[in-house]
C-alpha atoms as a PDB file:
ATOM      1  CA  UNK A   1       0.000   0.000   0.000  1.00  0.00           C
ATOM      2  CA  UNK A   2       1.184   3.520  -0.793  1.00  0.00           C
ATOM      3  CA  UNK A   3       2.642   5.155   2.321  1.00  0.00           C
ATOM      4  CA  UNK A   4       0.448   8.269   2.034  1.00  0.00           C
ATOM      5  CA  UNK A   5      -2.628   6.114   1.490  1.00  0.00           C
ATOM      6  CA  UNK A   6      -1.752   4.116   4.592  1.00  0.00           C
ATOM      7  CA  UNK A   7      -1.533   7.299   6.673  1.00  0.00           C
ATOM      8  CA  UNK A   8      -4.874   8.438   5.292  1.00  0.00           C
ATOM      9  CA  UNK A   9      -6.370   5.045   6.149  1.00  0.00           C
ATOM     10  CA  UNK A  10      -5.061   5.264   9.710  1.00  0.00           C
ATOM     11  CA  UNK A  11      -6.441   8.777  10.049  1.00  0.00           C
ATOM     12  CA  UNK A  12      -9.893   7.591   9.001  1.00  0.00           C
ATOM     13  CA  UNK A  13      -9.753   4.676  11.450  1.00  0.00           C
ATOM     14  CA  UNK A  14      -8.709   6.911  14.349  1.00  0.00           C
ATOM     15  CA  UNK A  15     -10.608  10.064  13.435  1.00  0.00           C
ATOM     16  CA  UNK A  16     -13.060   9.971  16.342  1.00  0.00           C
ATOM     17  CA  UNK A  17     -10.697   8.491  18.900  1.00  0.00           C
ATOM     18  CA  UNK A  18     -10.260  10.397  22.151  1.00  0.00           C
ATOM     19  CA  UNK A  19      -6.700  10.818  23.356  1.00  0.00           C
ATOM     20  CA  UNK A  20      -7.621   9.486  26.795  1.00  0.00           C
ATOM     21  CA  UNK A  21      -8.251   6.103  25.179  1.00  0.00           C
ATOM     22  CA  UNK A  22      -4.518   5.868  24.452  1.00  0.00           C
ATOM     23  CA  UNK A  23      -3.192   6.392  27.963  1.00  0.00           C
ATOM     24  CA  UNK A  24      -1.729   3.474  29.884  1.00  0.00           C
ATOM     25  CA  UNK A  25       1.198   2.934  32.251  1.00  0.00           C
ATOM     26  CA  UNK A  26       3.774   2.609  29.431  1.00  0.00           C
ATOM     27  CA  UNK A  27       2.701   5.460  27.153  1.00  0.00           C
ATOM     28  CA  UNK A  28       5.045   8.117  28.571  1.00  0.00           C
ATOM     29  CA  UNK A  29       8.052   5.862  28.027  1.00  0.00           C
ATOM     30  CA  UNK A  30       6.877   4.584  24.662  1.00  0.00           C
ATOM     31  CA  UNK A  31       6.134   8.020  23.219  1.00  0.00           C
ATOM     32  CA  UNK A  32       9.008  10.174  24.434  1.00  0.00           C
ATOM     33  CA  UNK A  33      12.674  10.375  23.610  1.00  0.00           C
ATOM     34  CA  UNK A  34      15.630  12.262  25.082  1.00  0.00           C
ATOM     35  CA  UNK A  35      18.314  13.690  22.809  1.00  0.00           C
ATOM     36  CA  UNK A  36      21.088  16.151  23.614  1.00  0.00           C
ATOM     37  CA  UNK A  37      19.635  16.737  27.061  1.00  0.00           C
ATOM     38  CA  UNK A  38      16.179  17.610  25.750  1.00  0.00           C
ATOM     39  CA  UNK A  39      13.019  15.606  26.279  1.00  0.00           C
ATOM     40  CA  UNK A  40      10.667  15.301  23.318  1.00  0.00           C
ATOM     41  CA  UNK A  41       7.411  14.089  24.841  1.00  0.00           C
ATOM     42  CA  UNK A  42       4.710  13.287  22.329  1.00  0.00           C
ATOM     43  CA  UNK A  43       2.772  10.998  24.666  1.00  0.00           C
ATOM     44  CA  UNK A  44       0.066  13.626  24.987  1.00  0.00           C
ATOM     45  CA  UNK A  45      -0.703  13.654  21.289  1.00  0.00           C
ATOM     46  CA  UNK A  46      -3.254  11.524  19.503  1.00  0.00           C
ATOM     47  CA  UNK A  47      -0.692   9.203  17.916  1.00  0.00           C
ATOM     48  CA  UNK A  48      -0.487   5.452  18.318  1.00  0.00           C
ATOM     49  CA  UNK A  49       2.217   2.921  17.470  1.00  0.00           C
ATOM     50  CA  UNK A  50       0.731   2.127  14.040  1.00  0.00           C
ATOM     51  CA  UNK A  51       0.648   5.791  13.027  1.00  0.00           C
ATOM     52  CA  UNK A  52       4.176   6.353  14.308  1.00  0.00           C
ATOM     53  CA  UNK A  53       5.383   3.355  12.280  1.00  0.00           C
ATOM     54  CA  UNK A  54       3.576   4.684   9.200  1.00  0.00           C
ATOM     55  CA  UNK A  55       5.198   8.112   9.628  1.00  0.00           C
ATOM     56  CA  UNK A  56       8.644   6.532  10.006  1.00  0.00           C
ATOM     57  CA  UNK A  57       8.031   4.413   6.882  1.00  0.00           C
ATOM     58  CA  UNK A  58       7.004   7.533   4.965  1.00  0.00           C
ATOM     59  CA  UNK A  59      10.133   9.394   6.099  1.00  0.00           C
ATOM     60  CA  UNK A  60      12.394   6.478   5.200  1.00  0.00           C
ATOM     61  CA  UNK A  61      10.657   5.883   1.875  1.00  0.00           C
ATOM     62  CA  UNK A  62      10.892   9.523   0.855  1.00  0.00           C
ATOM     63  CA  UNK A  63      14.640   9.723   1.473  1.00  0.00           C
ATOM     64  CA  UNK A  64      14.299  12.167   4.361  1.00  0.00           C
ATOM     65  CA  UNK A  65      17.691  11.255   5.856  1.00  0.00           C
ATOM     66  CA  UNK A  66      19.442  11.936   2.548  1.00  0.00           C
ATOM     67  CA  UNK A  67      17.566  15.216   2.076  1.00  0.00           C
ATOM     68  CA  UNK A  68      18.438  16.298   5.609  1.00  0.00           C
ATOM     69  CA  UNK A  69      22.108  15.507   4.972  1.00  0.00           C
ATOM     70  CA  UNK A  70      21.969  17.520   1.737  1.00  0.00           C
ATOM     71  CA  UNK A  71      20.517  20.475   3.640  1.00  0.00           C
ATOM     72  CA  UNK A  72      23.316  20.347   6.226  1.00  0.00           C
ATOM     73  CA  UNK A  73      25.952  20.061   3.458  1.00  0.00           C
ATOM     74  CA  UNK A  74      24.646  23.229   1.817  1.00  0.00           C
ATOM     75  CA  UNK A  75      23.500  21.442  -1.344  1.00  0.00           C
ATOM     76  CA  UNK A  76      21.162  23.398  -3.583  1.00  0.00           C
ATOM     77  CA  UNK A  77      17.933  21.634  -2.633  1.00  0.00           C
ATOM     78  CA  UNK A  78      15.591  24.602  -3.123  1.00  0.00           C
ATOM     79  CA  UNK A  79      14.739  23.667  -6.685  1.00  0.00           C
ATOM     80  CA  UNK A  80      12.402  26.620  -7.236  1.00  0.00           C
ATOM     81  CA  UNK A  81      15.097  29.190  -6.480  1.00  0.00           C
ATOM     82  CA  UNK A  82      18.078  27.016  -7.421  1.00  0.00           C
ATOM     83  CA  UNK A  83      19.874  27.602  -4.131  1.00  0.00           C
ATOM     84  CA  UNK A  84      20.771  26.031  -0.820  1.00  0.00           C
ATOM     85  CA  UNK A  85      18.348  26.279   2.067  1.00  0.00           C
ATOM     86  CA  UNK A  86      20.232  27.780   4.942  1.00  0.00           C
ATOM     87  CA  UNK A  87      17.841  27.273   7.829  1.00  0.00           C
ATOM     88  CA  UNK A  88      20.586  25.467   9.725  1.00  0.00           C
ATOM     89  CA  UNK A  89      22.905  28.450   9.331  1.00  0.00           C
ATOM     90  CA  UNK A  90      20.566  30.548  11.455  1.00  0.00           C
ATOM     91  CA  UNK A  91      21.134  28.191  14.381  1.00  0.00           C
ATOM     92  CA  UNK A  92      24.755  27.256  13.782  1.00  0.00           C
ATOM     93  CA  UNK A  93      27.240  27.535  16.624  1.00  0.00           C
ATOM     94  CA  UNK A  94      29.988  30.132  16.685  1.00  0.00           C
ATOM     95  CA  UNK A  95      32.618  27.629  15.506  1.00  0.00           C
ATOM     96  CA  UNK A  96      30.490  26.151  12.724  1.00  0.00           C
ATOM     97  CA  UNK A  97      31.318  26.364   9.042  1.00  0.00           C
ATOM     98  CA  UNK A  98      28.629  25.909   6.406  1.00  0.00           C
ATOM     99  CA  UNK A  99      29.908  25.971   2.849  1.00  0.00           C
ATOM    100  CA  UNK A 100      27.923  26.668  -0.284  1.00  0.00           C
ATOM    101  CA  UNK A 101      29.903  26.567  -3.524  1.00  0.00           C
ATOM    102  CA  UNK A 102      33.081  26.294  -1.437  1.00  0.00           C
ATOM    103  CA  UNK A 103      32.421  29.511   0.523  1.00  0.00           C
ATOM    104  CA  UNK A 104      31.561  29.725   4.243  1.00  0.00           C
ATOM    105  CA  UNK A 105      28.171  31.471   4.289  1.00  0.00           C
ATOM    106  CA  UNK A 106      27.932  32.030   8.038  1.00  0.00           C
ATOM    107  CA  UNK A 107      29.612  35.466   8.100  1.00  0.00           C
ATOM    108  CA  UNK A 108      26.974  36.710   5.640  1.00  0.00           C
ATOM    109  CA  UNK A 109      24.117  35.070   7.544  1.00  0.00           C
ATOM    110  CA  UNK A 110      25.259  36.613  10.830  1.00  0.00           C
ATOM    111  CA  UNK A 111      25.455  40.175   9.451  1.00  0.00           C
END
């Protein structure tokens, strides 16, 4: 089944579900993750394991990891404007270097 169609199917199945129906003693642990000292808690959203798996499958099937890597490399992934997307440059640390066409773009971004 097409990954988008599967998500749509899951949405239809769960459309009227109340979030309280999802709570149990393991939900907080099952639907939260800690990374770099931050807690991302999505236990209080109306997502279940099947929908999470479908979203992960969609991300993997669409090449999200490769596209993310291209964004961080400064590849020209904005096809409409033919340029790099520099969202990451706005949040880059002081010691970071982000090159586009061989040039560090951070000094220009920080001006």
